[in-house]
N, C-alpha and C. Protein backbone atom coordinates (compact mmCIF):
# COMPACT_ATOMS: atom_id res chain seq x y z
N MET A 1 0.78 -1.19 0.00
CA MET A 1 0.00 -0.08 0.01
C MET A 1 0.87 1.22 0.00
N LYS A 2 0.55 2.29 -0.77
CA LYS A 2 1.24 3.41 -0.83
C LYS A 2 1.06 4.32 0.48
N LYS A 3 2.04 5.16 0.69
CA LYS A 3 2.02 5.97 1.89
C LYS A 3 0.91 7.17 1.77
N GLN A 4 0.45 7.48 2.95
CA GLN A 4 -0.70 8.60 3.02
C GLN A 4 -0.17 9.86 2.51
N LEU A 5 -1.07 10.62 1.93
CA LEU A 5 -0.75 11.93 1.34
C LEU A 5 -1.15 13.03 2.33
N THR A 6 -0.49 14.15 2.23
CA THR A 6 -0.97 15.37 2.85
C THR A 6 -2.04 15.88 2.02
N ASP A 7 -2.85 16.84 2.59
CA ASP A 7 -3.98 17.41 1.83
C ASP A 7 -3.42 18.14 0.43
N ARG A 8 -2.28 18.90 0.64
CA ARG A 8 -1.72 19.48 -0.47
C ARG A 8 -1.28 18.52 -1.57
N GLN A 9 -0.61 17.43 -1.21
CA GLN A 9 -0.11 16.39 -2.14
C GLN A 9 -1.42 15.80 -2.77
N ASP A 10 -2.40 15.59 -2.13
CA ASP A 10 -3.67 14.91 -2.61
C ASP A 10 -4.27 15.84 -3.67
N ASP A 11 -4.30 17.09 -3.30
CA ASP A 11 -4.90 18.14 -4.33
C ASP A 11 -4.00 18.21 -5.65
N ILE A 12 -2.71 18.16 -5.43
CA ILE A 12 -1.82 18.25 -6.65
C ILE A 12 -1.99 16.96 -7.49
N LEU A 13 -2.00 15.82 -6.81
CA LEU A 13 -2.15 14.56 -7.54
C LEU A 13 -3.51 14.48 -8.34
N ARG A 14 -4.56 14.92 -7.71
CA ARG A 14 -5.85 15.03 -8.36
C ARG A 14 -5.77 15.91 -9.53
N PHE A 15 -5.16 17.04 -9.36
CA PHE A 15 -5.07 18.03 -10.48
C PHE A 15 -4.29 17.38 -11.64
N ILE A 16 -3.27 16.70 -11.34
CA ILE A 16 -2.44 16.07 -12.47
C ILE A 16 -3.30 15.05 -13.20
N HIS A 17 -4.04 14.24 -12.46
CA HIS A 17 -4.96 13.26 -13.07
C HIS A 17 -5.94 13.94 -13.89
N HIS A 18 -6.61 14.92 -13.51
CA HIS A 18 -7.79 15.52 -14.20
C HIS A 18 -7.19 16.32 -15.44
N PHE A 19 -5.99 16.96 -15.28
CA PHE A 19 -5.39 17.59 -16.37
C PHE A 19 -5.03 16.70 -17.51
N ARG A 20 -4.51 15.55 -17.14
CA ARG A 20 -4.07 14.49 -18.19
C ARG A 20 -5.38 13.94 -18.82
N ASN A 21 -6.37 13.74 -18.10
CA ASN A 21 -7.64 13.20 -18.60
C ASN A 21 -8.32 14.13 -19.59
N GLU A 22 -8.21 15.43 -19.32
CA GLU A 22 -8.89 16.47 -20.14
C GLU A 22 -8.00 16.77 -21.39
N ASN A 23 -6.70 16.72 -21.23
CA ASN A 23 -5.75 17.13 -22.36
C ASN A 23 -5.02 16.05 -23.04
N GLY A 24 -4.94 14.85 -22.43
CA GLY A 24 -4.17 13.77 -23.03
C GLY A 24 -2.75 13.77 -22.70
N TYR A 25 -2.23 14.77 -21.92
CA TYR A 25 -0.81 14.89 -21.53
C TYR A 25 -0.74 15.47 -20.23
N PRO A 26 0.25 15.39 -19.39
CA PRO A 26 0.43 15.90 -18.13
C PRO A 26 0.80 17.38 -18.07
N PRO A 27 0.46 18.08 -16.94
CA PRO A 27 0.83 19.45 -16.84
C PRO A 27 2.34 19.65 -16.67
N THR A 28 2.82 20.89 -17.02
CA THR A 28 4.21 21.21 -16.72
C THR A 28 4.31 21.70 -15.23
N LEU A 29 5.47 21.91 -14.77
CA LEU A 29 5.69 22.44 -13.48
C LEU A 29 5.07 23.85 -13.38
N ARG A 30 5.16 24.66 -14.43
CA ARG A 30 4.71 25.97 -14.27
C ARG A 30 3.09 25.94 -14.24
N GLU A 31 2.52 25.08 -14.96
CA GLU A 31 1.08 24.86 -15.02
C GLU A 31 0.49 24.49 -13.56
N ILE A 32 1.27 23.61 -12.95
CA ILE A 32 0.92 23.19 -11.58
C ILE A 32 1.18 24.32 -10.65
N GLY A 33 2.11 25.08 -10.74
CA GLY A 33 2.47 26.28 -9.97
C GLY A 33 1.46 27.30 -10.05
N LYS A 34 0.96 27.52 -11.21
CA LYS A 34 -0.07 28.57 -11.45
C LYS A 34 -1.31 28.23 -10.84
N LYS A 35 -1.76 26.94 -10.98
CA LYS A 35 -2.92 26.33 -10.35
C LYS A 35 -3.00 26.48 -8.82
N PHE A 36 -1.87 26.20 -8.14
CA PHE A 36 -1.78 26.23 -6.77
C PHE A 36 -1.06 27.45 -6.07
N GLU A 37 -0.83 28.41 -7.00
CA GLU A 37 -0.22 29.70 -6.66
C GLU A 37 1.20 29.42 -5.85
N ILE A 38 1.92 28.51 -6.45
CA ILE A 38 3.27 28.22 -5.94
C ILE A 38 4.23 29.01 -6.71
N ALA A 39 5.09 29.85 -6.11
CA ALA A 39 5.85 30.89 -6.89
C ALA A 39 6.89 30.45 -7.80
N SER A 40 7.59 29.32 -7.32
CA SER A 40 8.68 28.81 -8.16
C SER A 40 8.52 27.35 -8.54
N THR A 41 9.13 27.02 -9.67
CA THR A 41 9.06 25.59 -10.05
C THR A 41 9.84 24.72 -9.15
N PHE A 42 10.72 25.25 -8.29
CA PHE A 42 11.43 24.50 -7.31
C PHE A 42 10.51 24.01 -6.25
N GLY A 43 9.49 24.92 -5.97
CA GLY A 43 8.51 24.64 -4.95
C GLY A 43 7.65 23.41 -5.47
N VAL A 44 7.22 23.55 -6.65
CA VAL A 44 6.41 22.43 -7.35
C VAL A 44 7.24 21.11 -7.38
N LYS A 45 8.47 21.20 -7.71
CA LYS A 45 9.23 20.02 -7.75
C LYS A 45 9.39 19.31 -6.35
N ARG A 46 9.46 20.11 -5.23
CA ARG A 46 9.45 19.45 -4.04
C ARG A 46 8.24 18.63 -3.67
N HIS A 47 7.05 19.14 -4.14
CA HIS A 47 5.76 18.33 -3.94
C HIS A 47 5.93 17.10 -4.92
N LEU A 48 6.31 17.33 -6.10
CA LEU A 48 6.44 16.06 -6.98
C LEU A 48 7.41 15.03 -6.51
N ASP A 49 8.54 15.51 -6.02
CA ASP A 49 9.50 14.60 -5.43
C ASP A 49 8.85 13.74 -4.24
N ALA A 50 8.01 14.45 -3.49
CA ALA A 50 7.35 13.68 -2.38
C ALA A 50 6.34 12.69 -2.87
N LEU A 51 5.67 13.11 -3.90
CA LEU A 51 4.69 12.09 -4.54
C LEU A 51 5.39 10.93 -5.16
N GLU A 52 6.59 11.23 -5.84
CA GLU A 52 7.40 10.18 -6.41
C GLU A 52 7.92 9.17 -5.40
N LYS A 53 8.43 9.84 -4.33
CA LYS A 53 8.97 8.98 -3.19
C LYS A 53 7.89 7.96 -2.54
N LYS A 54 6.60 8.56 -2.59
CA LYS A 54 5.52 7.73 -2.01
C LYS A 54 4.92 6.82 -3.00
N GLY A 55 5.45 6.84 -4.29
CA GLY A 55 5.01 5.83 -5.24
C GLY A 55 3.77 6.14 -6.10
N TYR A 56 3.45 7.51 -6.16
CA TYR A 56 2.22 7.83 -6.83
C TYR A 56 2.55 8.24 -8.36
N LEU A 57 3.77 8.66 -8.57
CA LEU A 57 4.10 9.17 -9.93
C LEU A 57 5.60 9.02 -10.15
N ASN A 58 6.04 9.22 -11.34
CA ASN A 58 7.41 9.26 -11.72
C ASN A 58 7.69 10.58 -12.55
N VAL A 59 8.86 11.23 -12.35
CA VAL A 59 9.13 12.36 -13.12
C VAL A 59 10.41 12.18 -14.02
N GLU A 60 10.15 12.36 -15.34
CA GLU A 60 11.35 12.34 -16.23
C GLU A 60 12.05 13.66 -16.28
N SER A 61 13.21 13.84 -15.80
CA SER A 61 13.82 15.11 -15.62
C SER A 61 14.14 15.83 -16.94
N ASN A 62 14.22 15.18 -18.06
CA ASN A 62 14.55 15.79 -19.35
C ASN A 62 13.39 16.09 -20.28
N ALA A 63 12.12 16.00 -19.76
CA ALA A 63 11.01 16.24 -20.47
C ALA A 63 10.14 17.29 -19.78
N SER A 64 9.64 18.27 -20.59
CA SER A 64 8.83 19.37 -19.93
C SER A 64 7.57 18.85 -19.45
N ARG A 65 7.01 17.76 -20.03
CA ARG A 65 5.75 17.18 -19.48
C ARG A 65 6.08 15.68 -19.26
N GLY A 66 7.05 15.55 -18.37
CA GLY A 66 7.59 14.16 -18.05
C GLY A 66 6.99 13.52 -16.83
N ILE A 67 5.73 13.89 -16.45
CA ILE A 67 5.24 13.27 -15.24
C ILE A 67 4.37 12.03 -15.75
N SER A 68 4.71 10.87 -15.11
CA SER A 68 3.92 9.68 -15.42
C SER A 68 3.28 9.13 -14.19
N LEU A 69 2.02 8.80 -14.25
CA LEU A 69 1.16 8.44 -13.06
C LEU A 69 1.25 6.95 -12.95
N GLN A 70 1.23 6.56 -11.66
CA GLN A 70 1.21 5.09 -11.45
C GLN A 70 -0.17 4.49 -11.26
N PRO A 71 -0.38 3.23 -11.76
CA PRO A 71 -1.77 2.72 -11.56
C PRO A 71 -2.21 2.65 -10.19
N PHE A 72 -3.45 2.94 -9.84
CA PHE A 72 -3.82 3.11 -8.40
C PHE A 72 -3.97 1.74 -7.76
N GLU A 73 -3.67 1.76 -6.52
CA GLU A 73 -3.97 0.59 -5.65
C GLU A 73 -5.06 1.06 -4.69
N ASN A 74 -5.34 0.35 -3.59
CA ASN A 74 -6.19 0.76 -2.60
C ASN A 74 -5.59 1.70 -1.65
N ASP A 75 -5.51 3.00 -2.12
CA ASP A 75 -4.68 3.97 -1.36
C ASP A 75 -5.41 5.20 -0.94
N ALA A 76 -4.67 6.22 -0.56
CA ALA A 76 -5.33 7.31 0.20
C ALA A 76 -6.36 8.00 -0.69
N ILE A 77 -6.07 8.20 -1.96
CA ILE A 77 -6.95 9.09 -2.72
C ILE A 77 -8.12 8.36 -3.41
N ILE A 78 -8.25 7.02 -3.16
CA ILE A 78 -9.37 6.32 -3.77
C ILE A 78 -10.51 6.17 -2.73
N ASP A 79 -11.63 6.60 -2.99
CA ASP A 79 -12.81 6.38 -2.24
C ASP A 79 -13.25 4.86 -2.51
N THR A 80 -13.51 4.14 -1.49
CA THR A 80 -13.80 2.75 -1.57
C THR A 80 -15.13 2.50 -2.37
N THR A 81 -15.98 3.54 -2.46
CA THR A 81 -17.11 3.39 -3.18
C THR A 81 -16.98 3.53 -4.75
N ASN A 82 -15.70 3.86 -5.23
CA ASN A 82 -15.49 4.05 -6.60
C ASN A 82 -15.53 2.79 -7.38
N ASN A 83 -15.90 2.78 -8.59
CA ASN A 83 -15.91 1.56 -9.43
C ASN A 83 -14.76 1.54 -10.26
N PHE A 84 -14.25 0.33 -10.53
CA PHE A 84 -13.13 0.05 -11.39
C PHE A 84 -13.55 -0.60 -12.61
N THR A 85 -13.04 -0.22 -13.83
CA THR A 85 -13.37 -0.68 -15.14
C THR A 85 -12.27 -1.31 -15.79
N LYS A 86 -12.54 -2.48 -16.29
CA LYS A 86 -11.54 -3.23 -17.10
C LYS A 86 -11.69 -2.93 -18.60
N ILE A 87 -10.59 -2.49 -19.22
CA ILE A 87 -10.66 -2.10 -20.60
C ILE A 87 -9.71 -3.02 -21.34
N PRO A 88 -9.97 -3.31 -22.67
CA PRO A 88 -9.13 -4.13 -23.40
C PRO A 88 -7.82 -3.44 -23.91
N ILE A 89 -6.78 -4.22 -23.97
CA ILE A 89 -5.58 -3.66 -24.64
C ILE A 89 -5.58 -4.24 -26.06
N ILE A 90 -5.58 -3.33 -27.02
CA ILE A 90 -5.78 -3.71 -28.48
C ILE A 90 -4.50 -3.44 -29.21
N GLY A 91 -3.54 -4.29 -29.15
CA GLY A 91 -2.38 -4.26 -29.98
C GLY A 91 -1.53 -2.95 -29.65
N HIS A 92 -1.01 -2.41 -30.72
CA HIS A 92 0.05 -1.26 -30.61
C HIS A 92 -0.37 -0.06 -31.42
N VAL A 93 0.25 1.04 -30.99
CA VAL A 93 0.09 2.30 -31.74
C VAL A 93 1.53 2.96 -31.90
N ALA A 94 1.81 3.45 -33.01
CA ALA A 94 3.19 4.07 -33.23
C ALA A 94 3.25 5.43 -32.66
N ALA A 95 4.31 5.77 -31.93
CA ALA A 95 4.74 7.06 -31.63
C ALA A 95 6.04 7.22 -32.42
N GLY A 96 5.99 7.45 -33.61
CA GLY A 96 7.08 7.46 -34.56
C GLY A 96 6.44 7.31 -35.99
N ILE A 97 7.07 6.45 -36.75
CA ILE A 97 6.52 6.17 -38.10
C ILE A 97 5.21 5.34 -37.89
N PRO A 98 4.16 5.73 -38.58
CA PRO A 98 2.85 4.88 -38.46
C PRO A 98 3.20 3.45 -38.68
N ILE A 99 2.56 2.59 -37.92
CA ILE A 99 2.60 1.14 -38.05
C ILE A 99 1.37 0.54 -38.43
N THR A 100 1.30 -0.62 -39.06
CA THR A 100 0.16 -1.28 -39.49
C THR A 100 -0.76 -1.59 -38.23
N ALA A 101 -2.04 -1.27 -38.31
CA ALA A 101 -2.94 -1.40 -37.29
C ALA A 101 -3.08 -2.98 -36.83
N ILE A 102 -3.09 -3.14 -35.56
CA ILE A 102 -3.28 -4.46 -34.98
C ILE A 102 -4.43 -4.43 -34.10
N GLU A 103 -5.49 -5.32 -34.37
CA GLU A 103 -6.66 -5.19 -33.55
C GLU A 103 -6.92 -6.48 -32.63
N ASN A 104 -5.89 -7.23 -32.47
CA ASN A 104 -5.97 -8.39 -31.63
C ASN A 104 -6.03 -7.97 -30.17
N ILE A 105 -6.83 -8.60 -29.33
CA ILE A 105 -6.84 -8.35 -27.91
C ILE A 105 -5.57 -8.81 -27.25
N ASP A 106 -4.89 -7.94 -26.51
CA ASP A 106 -3.59 -8.31 -25.95
C ASP A 106 -3.62 -8.13 -24.51
N GLY A 107 -4.67 -8.55 -23.90
CA GLY A 107 -4.87 -8.45 -22.41
C GLY A 107 -5.86 -7.38 -22.06
N SER A 108 -5.81 -6.95 -20.76
CA SER A 108 -6.78 -5.93 -20.22
C SER A 108 -6.09 -5.11 -19.23
N LEU A 109 -6.65 -3.92 -18.88
CA LEU A 109 -6.17 -2.99 -17.96
C LEU A 109 -7.20 -2.57 -17.10
N VAL A 110 -7.07 -2.49 -15.83
CA VAL A 110 -8.08 -2.09 -14.83
C VAL A 110 -7.74 -0.64 -14.51
N ILE A 111 -8.81 0.30 -14.64
CA ILE A 111 -8.59 1.70 -14.39
C ILE A 111 -9.64 2.08 -13.37
N ASP A 112 -9.25 3.21 -12.65
CA ASP A 112 -10.25 3.77 -11.67
C ASP A 112 -11.20 4.82 -12.48
N SER A 113 -12.47 4.38 -12.62
CA SER A 113 -13.38 5.14 -13.50
C SER A 113 -13.68 6.51 -12.96
N SER A 114 -13.36 6.79 -11.70
CA SER A 114 -13.67 8.18 -11.17
C SER A 114 -12.74 9.20 -11.74
N PHE A 115 -11.65 8.81 -12.46
CA PHE A 115 -10.69 9.69 -12.98
C PHE A 115 -10.85 9.79 -14.46
N MET A 116 -11.83 9.14 -15.01
CA MET A 116 -11.85 9.02 -16.51
C MET A 116 -13.28 8.97 -16.89
N LYS A 117 -13.80 9.92 -17.58
CA LYS A 117 -15.11 10.00 -18.11
C LYS A 117 -15.30 8.98 -19.16
N HIS A 118 -16.48 8.36 -19.23
CA HIS A 118 -16.87 7.37 -20.10
C HIS A 118 -15.85 6.13 -20.25
N SER A 119 -15.24 5.79 -19.09
CA SER A 119 -14.12 4.80 -19.08
C SER A 119 -14.57 3.44 -19.65
N GLU A 120 -15.90 3.15 -19.56
CA GLU A 120 -16.39 1.83 -20.12
C GLU A 120 -16.22 1.68 -21.56
N SER A 121 -16.19 2.87 -22.24
CA SER A 121 -16.05 2.80 -23.78
C SER A 121 -14.53 2.86 -24.14
N CYS A 122 -13.64 2.99 -23.28
CA CYS A 122 -12.28 3.17 -23.60
C CYS A 122 -11.59 1.89 -23.96
N PHE A 123 -10.42 1.91 -24.60
CA PHE A 123 -9.49 0.82 -24.94
C PHE A 123 -8.10 1.30 -24.77
N ALA A 124 -7.16 0.40 -24.68
CA ALA A 124 -5.67 0.78 -24.54
C ALA A 124 -4.94 0.28 -25.65
N LEU A 125 -3.85 1.02 -25.94
CA LEU A 125 -2.95 0.66 -27.06
C LEU A 125 -1.48 0.79 -26.42
N ARG A 126 -0.55 -0.17 -26.77
CA ARG A 126 0.73 -0.13 -26.33
C ARG A 126 1.61 0.71 -27.26
N VAL A 127 2.34 1.66 -26.77
CA VAL A 127 3.05 2.57 -27.71
C VAL A 127 4.43 2.05 -28.14
N LYS A 128 4.69 2.18 -29.35
CA LYS A 128 6.07 1.89 -29.97
C LYS A 128 6.56 3.16 -30.61
N GLY A 129 7.89 3.45 -30.31
CA GLY A 129 8.45 4.62 -30.87
C GLY A 129 8.64 5.74 -29.86
N ASP A 130 9.35 6.85 -30.23
CA ASP A 130 9.60 7.97 -29.39
C ASP A 130 9.24 9.37 -29.84
N SER A 131 8.25 9.37 -30.72
CA SER A 131 7.96 10.73 -31.29
C SER A 131 7.09 11.62 -30.37
N MET A 132 6.65 10.96 -29.40
CA MET A 132 5.84 11.74 -28.36
C MET A 132 6.48 11.98 -26.99
N ILE A 133 7.72 11.78 -26.89
CA ILE A 133 8.32 11.77 -25.55
C ILE A 133 8.23 13.16 -24.88
N ASN A 134 8.19 14.25 -25.55
CA ASN A 134 8.10 15.54 -24.90
C ASN A 134 6.66 15.84 -24.46
N ALA A 135 5.81 14.97 -24.77
CA ALA A 135 4.35 15.11 -24.21
C ALA A 135 4.12 13.98 -23.15
N GLY A 136 5.29 13.41 -22.76
CA GLY A 136 5.19 12.41 -21.63
C GLY A 136 4.72 11.03 -22.11
N ILE A 137 4.77 10.73 -23.34
CA ILE A 137 4.38 9.41 -23.90
C ILE A 137 5.64 8.74 -24.35
N PHE A 138 5.95 7.54 -23.76
CA PHE A 138 7.22 6.85 -24.10
C PHE A 138 6.92 5.47 -24.58
N GLU A 139 7.92 4.90 -25.22
CA GLU A 139 7.83 3.52 -25.75
C GLU A 139 7.60 2.65 -24.64
N GLY A 140 6.53 1.65 -24.90
CA GLY A 140 6.18 0.75 -23.86
C GLY A 140 4.92 1.21 -23.07
N ASP A 141 4.73 2.46 -23.09
CA ASP A 141 3.49 3.05 -22.29
C ASP A 141 2.23 2.33 -22.82
N LEU A 142 1.18 2.39 -22.07
CA LEU A 142 -0.16 2.14 -22.55
C LEU A 142 -0.99 3.42 -22.65
N VAL A 143 -1.44 3.82 -23.79
CA VAL A 143 -2.37 5.03 -23.87
C VAL A 143 -3.74 4.51 -23.78
N VAL A 144 -4.55 5.25 -23.04
CA VAL A 144 -5.94 4.91 -22.89
C VAL A 144 -6.68 5.82 -23.82
N VAL A 145 -7.56 5.17 -24.72
CA VAL A 145 -8.21 6.02 -25.78
C VAL A 145 -9.76 5.97 -25.69
N LEU A 146 -10.28 7.14 -25.72
CA LEU A 146 -11.64 7.37 -25.80
C LEU A 146 -12.09 7.39 -27.22
N PRO A 147 -12.92 6.46 -27.74
CA PRO A 147 -13.23 6.39 -29.15
C PRO A 147 -14.03 7.78 -29.52
N LYS A 148 -13.65 8.37 -30.65
CA LYS A 148 -14.45 9.45 -31.20
C LYS A 148 -13.98 9.73 -32.64
N LYS A 149 -14.73 10.30 -33.40
CA LYS A 149 -14.49 10.50 -34.87
C LYS A 149 -13.99 11.87 -35.29
N ASP A 150 -13.93 12.78 -34.31
CA ASP A 150 -13.40 14.21 -34.55
C ASP A 150 -12.47 14.51 -33.44
N ALA A 151 -11.71 15.63 -33.63
CA ALA A 151 -10.75 16.10 -32.65
C ALA A 151 -10.75 17.59 -32.61
N ALA A 152 -10.38 18.09 -31.50
CA ALA A 152 -10.20 19.53 -31.24
C ALA A 152 -8.73 19.85 -31.35
N ASN A 153 -8.52 21.13 -31.88
CA ASN A 153 -7.11 21.59 -31.98
C ASN A 153 -6.30 21.38 -30.67
N GLY A 154 -5.18 20.79 -30.80
CA GLY A 154 -4.27 20.49 -29.63
C GLY A 154 -4.53 19.31 -28.88
N GLU A 155 -5.56 18.54 -29.18
CA GLU A 155 -5.75 17.25 -28.51
C GLU A 155 -4.75 16.18 -29.03
N THR A 156 -4.30 15.30 -28.17
CA THR A 156 -3.52 14.18 -28.46
C THR A 156 -4.45 13.05 -28.83
N ILE A 157 -4.25 12.55 -30.10
CA ILE A 157 -5.29 11.60 -30.70
C ILE A 157 -4.47 10.37 -31.13
N VAL A 158 -5.27 9.36 -31.32
CA VAL A 158 -4.81 8.21 -32.17
C VAL A 158 -5.53 8.28 -33.46
N ALA A 159 -4.75 8.27 -34.57
CA ALA A 159 -5.27 8.49 -35.98
C ALA A 159 -4.95 7.30 -36.83
N MET A 160 -5.90 7.09 -37.76
CA MET A 160 -5.63 6.04 -38.73
C MET A 160 -5.24 6.74 -40.16
N LEU A 161 -4.13 6.18 -40.77
CA LEU A 161 -3.69 6.62 -42.08
C LEU A 161 -3.70 5.38 -43.00
N GLU A 162 -4.70 5.23 -43.85
CA GLU A 162 -4.99 4.06 -44.54
C GLU A 162 -5.11 2.87 -43.57
N ASP A 163 -4.19 1.99 -43.56
CA ASP A 163 -4.31 0.82 -42.68
C ASP A 163 -3.21 0.90 -41.53
N GLU A 164 -2.79 2.13 -41.23
CA GLU A 164 -1.68 2.34 -40.32
C GLU A 164 -2.28 3.27 -39.17
N VAL A 165 -1.73 3.12 -37.96
CA VAL A 165 -2.21 3.82 -36.83
C VAL A 165 -1.14 4.50 -36.14
N THR A 166 -1.32 5.75 -35.65
CA THR A 166 -0.26 6.56 -35.03
C THR A 166 -0.85 7.49 -33.85
N VAL A 167 -0.10 7.85 -32.97
CA VAL A 167 -0.53 8.83 -31.91
C VAL A 167 0.23 10.12 -32.15
N LYS A 168 -0.49 11.22 -32.26
CA LYS A 168 0.10 12.47 -32.47
C LYS A 168 -0.87 13.65 -31.88
N THR A 169 -0.29 14.80 -31.91
CA THR A 169 -1.21 15.93 -31.52
C THR A 169 -1.86 16.48 -32.71
N PHE A 170 -3.14 16.79 -32.61
CA PHE A 170 -3.98 17.24 -33.72
C PHE A 170 -3.88 18.69 -33.82
N GLU A 171 -3.74 19.24 -35.14
CA GLU A 171 -3.54 20.67 -35.28
C GLU A 171 -4.38 21.12 -36.59
N ILE A 172 -5.13 22.14 -36.36
CA ILE A 172 -5.72 22.84 -37.48
C ILE A 172 -5.27 24.23 -37.56
N LYS A 173 -4.56 24.63 -38.64
CA LYS A 173 -4.01 26.04 -38.69
C LYS A 173 -3.96 26.45 -40.20
N ASN A 174 -4.50 27.55 -40.42
CA ASN A 174 -4.50 28.11 -41.85
C ASN A 174 -5.05 27.18 -42.86
N LYS A 175 -6.13 26.56 -42.43
CA LYS A 175 -6.89 25.61 -43.16
C LYS A 175 -6.09 24.29 -43.49
N LYS A 176 -5.04 24.16 -42.74
CA LYS A 176 -4.27 22.84 -42.91
C LYS A 176 -4.46 21.98 -41.73
N VAL A 177 -4.54 20.73 -41.90
CA VAL A 177 -4.63 19.72 -40.83
C VAL A 177 -3.38 18.90 -40.79
N ARG A 178 -2.76 18.91 -39.54
CA ARG A 178 -1.52 18.26 -39.43
C ARG A 178 -1.56 17.38 -38.13
N LEU A 179 -0.70 16.38 -38.10
CA LEU A 179 -0.43 15.59 -36.97
C LEU A 179 0.89 15.82 -36.57
N LEU A 180 1.09 16.41 -35.23
CA LEU A 180 2.34 16.91 -34.75
C LEU A 180 3.02 15.90 -33.85
N PRO A 181 4.31 15.71 -34.05
CA PRO A 181 4.98 14.81 -33.07
C PRO A 181 5.49 15.72 -31.93
N ALA A 182 5.88 15.09 -30.79
CA ALA A 182 6.46 15.81 -29.66
C ALA A 182 7.91 15.36 -29.49
N ASN A 183 8.63 15.48 -30.60
CA ASN A 183 10.05 15.09 -30.65
C ASN A 183 10.58 15.81 -31.89
N GLU A 184 11.60 16.61 -31.65
CA GLU A 184 12.21 17.38 -32.83
C GLU A 184 12.85 16.42 -33.94
N LYS A 185 13.06 15.17 -33.54
CA LYS A 185 13.56 14.28 -34.68
C LYS A 185 12.54 13.93 -35.74
N TYR A 186 11.18 14.19 -35.51
CA TYR A 186 10.30 13.85 -36.41
C TYR A 186 9.59 15.06 -37.15
N GLN A 187 9.04 14.85 -38.22
CA GLN A 187 8.35 15.98 -38.98
C GLN A 187 6.93 15.80 -38.87
N PRO A 188 6.11 16.95 -38.81
CA PRO A 188 4.60 16.83 -38.91
C PRO A 188 4.18 15.99 -40.11
N ILE A 189 3.00 15.49 -39.92
CA ILE A 189 2.33 14.75 -41.02
C ILE A 189 1.21 15.64 -41.54
N ASP A 190 1.12 16.04 -42.72
CA ASP A 190 0.02 16.79 -43.37
C ASP A 190 -0.98 15.83 -43.78
N VAL A 191 -2.22 16.03 -43.25
CA VAL A 191 -3.25 15.06 -43.67
C VAL A 191 -4.41 15.85 -44.30
N THR A 192 -4.20 17.10 -44.73
CA THR A 192 -5.18 17.97 -45.29
C THR A 192 -5.79 17.23 -46.49
N GLY A 193 -7.13 17.06 -46.43
CA GLY A 193 -7.77 16.50 -47.65
C GLY A 193 -7.53 15.09 -47.89
N ARG A 194 -6.76 14.38 -47.06
CA ARG A 194 -6.51 12.95 -47.22
C ARG A 194 -7.62 12.08 -46.87
N LYS A 195 -8.25 11.38 -47.81
CA LYS A 195 -9.47 10.60 -47.50
C LYS A 195 -9.10 9.39 -46.71
N GLU A 196 -7.91 9.00 -46.80
CA GLU A 196 -7.47 7.79 -45.91
C GLU A 196 -7.29 8.09 -44.37
N PHE A 197 -7.30 9.37 -44.06
CA PHE A 197 -7.07 9.89 -42.70
C PHE A 197 -8.41 9.81 -42.00
N SER A 198 -8.32 9.29 -40.78
CA SER A 198 -9.50 9.33 -39.83
C SER A 198 -9.02 9.26 -38.31
N VAL A 199 -9.91 9.90 -37.51
CA VAL A 199 -9.61 9.98 -36.15
C VAL A 199 -10.19 8.72 -35.45
N VAL A 200 -9.32 8.01 -34.63
CA VAL A 200 -9.83 6.79 -33.99
C VAL A 200 -10.30 7.15 -32.54
N GLY A 201 -9.58 8.10 -31.92
CA GLY A 201 -9.97 8.51 -30.62
C GLY A 201 -9.07 9.49 -29.91
N LYS A 202 -9.40 10.00 -28.88
CA LYS A 202 -8.66 10.97 -28.01
C LYS A 202 -7.90 10.22 -26.91
N VAL A 203 -6.65 10.43 -26.82
CA VAL A 203 -5.83 9.97 -25.72
C VAL A 203 -6.23 10.60 -24.32
N VAL A 204 -6.81 9.88 -23.42
CA VAL A 204 -7.29 10.45 -22.09
C VAL A 204 -6.48 10.04 -20.95
N GLY A 205 -5.48 9.16 -21.20
CA GLY A 205 -4.61 8.70 -20.10
C GLY A 205 -3.34 8.00 -20.59
N VAL A 206 -2.41 7.85 -19.78
CA VAL A 206 -1.21 7.08 -20.09
C VAL A 206 -0.81 6.34 -18.88
N VAL A 207 -0.48 5.08 -19.08
CA VAL A 207 -0.18 4.21 -17.91
C VAL A 207 1.26 3.66 -18.18
N ARG A 208 2.10 3.65 -17.16
CA ARG A 208 3.47 3.20 -17.23
C ARG A 208 3.85 2.36 -16.05
N TRP A 209 4.56 1.37 -16.14
CA TRP A 209 5.09 0.67 -15.00
C TRP A 209 6.58 0.76 -15.15
N LEU A 210 7.15 1.01 -13.99
CA LEU A 210 8.66 1.26 -13.79
C LEU A 210 9.29 -0.12 -13.54
N ASN A 211 10.45 -0.25 -14.19
CA ASN A 211 11.22 -1.60 -13.87
C ASN A 211 11.99 -1.37 -12.59
């Protein structure tokens, strides 16, 4: 069982979960500081260090959005009345060059439905590649996807290009539609007017286990 949280730590952890669920990626230190009126990023880092030490998250020091959340156990921030939902893990998704879609069931993932809207409709994909590392999505992670056929500007989505699937940030700008990586090694993908392009769903969570 994980260690008990202070009220402040509990508030920050809840904010990180809700921010990721709404945006598909974790907040930066400055965004956390702004939310809780913490003057310096050093002050935010101290709270994150405490949460990391207690086993609730992990912080990648070289990424601006490098906070990864640990799967919940029966710990301090879970109300025992909450329901848990089992969602299928359906193959892989590329965070790099798009890979051929795989739709075989590859196990299941149990998530706390109180932190994820419409969790019963979600599914998970395992990430291959490193094109989204600056958005806190790394190879081997599981992305939790809410199925939908459209996307808002700036959302992290899973998209289909012909028979290939990829995870990227959706952008509409100057009447152009692009899929943006979060790694300078990769180029944006222009999908303007491409009939073979479709939105599979919005990334609403990322799950990572540490070795």
